[in-house]
């Protein structure tokens, strides 16, 4: 019984971590080496990165991007990876 509870707990933690980090179908995830504190510079870096991938990008305002004709919501996560802070950008597709 203890083994089943442990396995269930580990799988639950992994699922929660993946969900928080934006690993879902339809999401766009970007990791930057540089940290952006100014939101205007941050949005410009996101737009530049996506345009370099060949996407059509337009910032609509209020953390919403239009990417290839679909609306995406900007979600920023700050994660410590090996003691080094990582700024993760998750663009979640809106219905």
Protein backbone atom coordinates (compact mmCIF):
# COMPACT_ATOMS: atom_id res chain seq x y z
CA UNK A 1 0.00 0.00 0.00
CA UNK A 2 2.85 2.38 0.88
CA UNK A 3 4.40 1.83 -2.57
CA UNK A 4 1.16 2.78 -4.35
CA UNK A 5 0.80 5.97 -2.32
CA UNK A 6 4.42 6.91 -3.06
CA UNK A 7 4.05 6.25 -6.79
CA UNK A 8 0.78 8.20 -6.91
CA UNK A 9 2.35 11.13 -5.04
CA UNK A 10 5.41 11.26 -7.33
CA UNK A 11 3.24 11.14 -10.46
CA UNK A 12 1.01 13.87 -9.04
CA UNK A 13 3.98 16.14 -8.32
CA UNK A 14 5.39 15.58 -11.83
CA UNK A 15 2.01 16.33 -13.41
CA UNK A 16 1.63 19.51 -11.35
CA UNK A 17 5.15 20.67 -12.25
CA UNK A 18 4.52 20.12 -15.98
CA UNK A 19 1.20 21.92 -15.76
CA UNK A 20 2.76 24.94 -13.99
CA UNK A 21 5.65 25.10 -16.46
CA UNK A 22 3.31 25.33 -19.45
CA UNK A 23 3.92 21.95 -21.05
CA UNK A 24 0.50 21.63 -22.68
CA UNK A 25 -0.67 21.21 -26.23
CA UNK A 26 -1.10 24.57 -27.94
CA UNK A 27 1.17 26.54 -25.59
CA UNK A 28 4.32 28.27 -26.76
CA UNK A 29 7.18 28.16 -24.25
CA UNK A 30 10.25 30.41 -24.47
CA UNK A 31 13.26 30.50 -22.13
CA UNK A 32 15.49 33.57 -22.15
CA UNK A 33 19.15 33.64 -21.10
CA UNK A 34 18.77 37.29 -20.18
CA UNK A 35 16.37 38.55 -17.51
CA UNK A 36 13.93 41.30 -18.41
CA UNK A 37 12.66 43.58 -15.67
CA UNK A 38 11.07 46.18 -17.98
CA UNK A 39 7.82 44.79 -19.42
CA UNK A 40 8.18 46.78 -22.65
CA UNK A 41 11.63 45.27 -23.32
CA UNK A 42 10.32 41.83 -22.34
CA UNK A 43 7.42 41.99 -24.81
CA UNK A 44 9.76 43.24 -27.54
CA UNK A 45 12.12 40.30 -26.90
CA UNK A 46 9.20 37.85 -27.12
CA UNK A 47 8.04 39.41 -30.38
CA UNK A 48 11.57 39.36 -31.84
CA UNK A 49 12.09 35.70 -30.83
CA UNK A 50 8.80 34.58 -32.39
CA UNK A 51 9.41 36.59 -35.58
CA UNK A 52 12.82 34.91 -35.90
CA UNK A 53 10.93 31.59 -35.91
CA UNK A 54 8.88 32.80 -38.89
CA UNK A 55 5.67 33.64 -37.02
CA UNK A 56 3.44 36.65 -37.56
CA UNK A 57 3.29 38.44 -34.19
CA UNK A 58 1.34 41.46 -33.00
CA UNK A 59 1.05 42.68 -29.38
CA UNK A 60 -2.59 43.58 -28.65
CA UNK A 61 -2.09 44.95 -25.16
CA UNK A 62 -3.07 43.63 -21.72
CA UNK A 63 -0.57 40.72 -22.08
CA UNK A 64 -2.31 39.42 -25.20
CA UNK A 65 -0.44 38.53 -28.39
CA UNK A 66 -1.86 37.71 -31.80
CA UNK A 67 0.37 34.97 -33.21
CA UNK A 68 -0.43 33.53 -36.64
CA UNK A 69 -4.07 34.60 -36.30
CA UNK A 70 -4.60 33.15 -32.81
CA UNK A 71 -4.76 34.99 -29.48
CA UNK A 72 -2.25 34.01 -26.78
CA UNK A 73 -2.06 35.15 -23.15
CA UNK A 74 1.41 35.94 -21.76
CA UNK A 75 2.27 34.14 -18.50
CA UNK A 76 5.66 34.74 -16.90
CA UNK A 77 7.24 32.21 -14.57
CA UNK A 78 10.49 32.60 -12.64
CA UNK A 79 12.06 29.25 -11.84
CA UNK A 80 15.31 28.32 -10.12
CA UNK A 81 17.15 25.74 -12.22
CA UNK A 82 20.24 24.54 -10.38
CA UNK A 83 20.35 27.72 -8.31
CA UNK A 84 20.23 29.95 -11.40
CA UNK A 85 17.00 31.91 -11.94
CA UNK A 86 15.31 31.21 -15.26
CA UNK A 87 12.70 33.49 -16.78
CA UNK A 88 10.20 31.24 -18.57
CA UNK A 89 7.63 32.69 -20.93
CA UNK A 90 4.44 30.75 -21.50
CA UNK A 91 2.08 31.89 -24.20
CA UNK A 92 -1.25 30.14 -23.55
CA UNK A 93 -3.66 29.93 -26.45
CA UNK A 94 -7.01 31.54 -25.67
CA UNK A 95 -10.21 29.97 -26.98
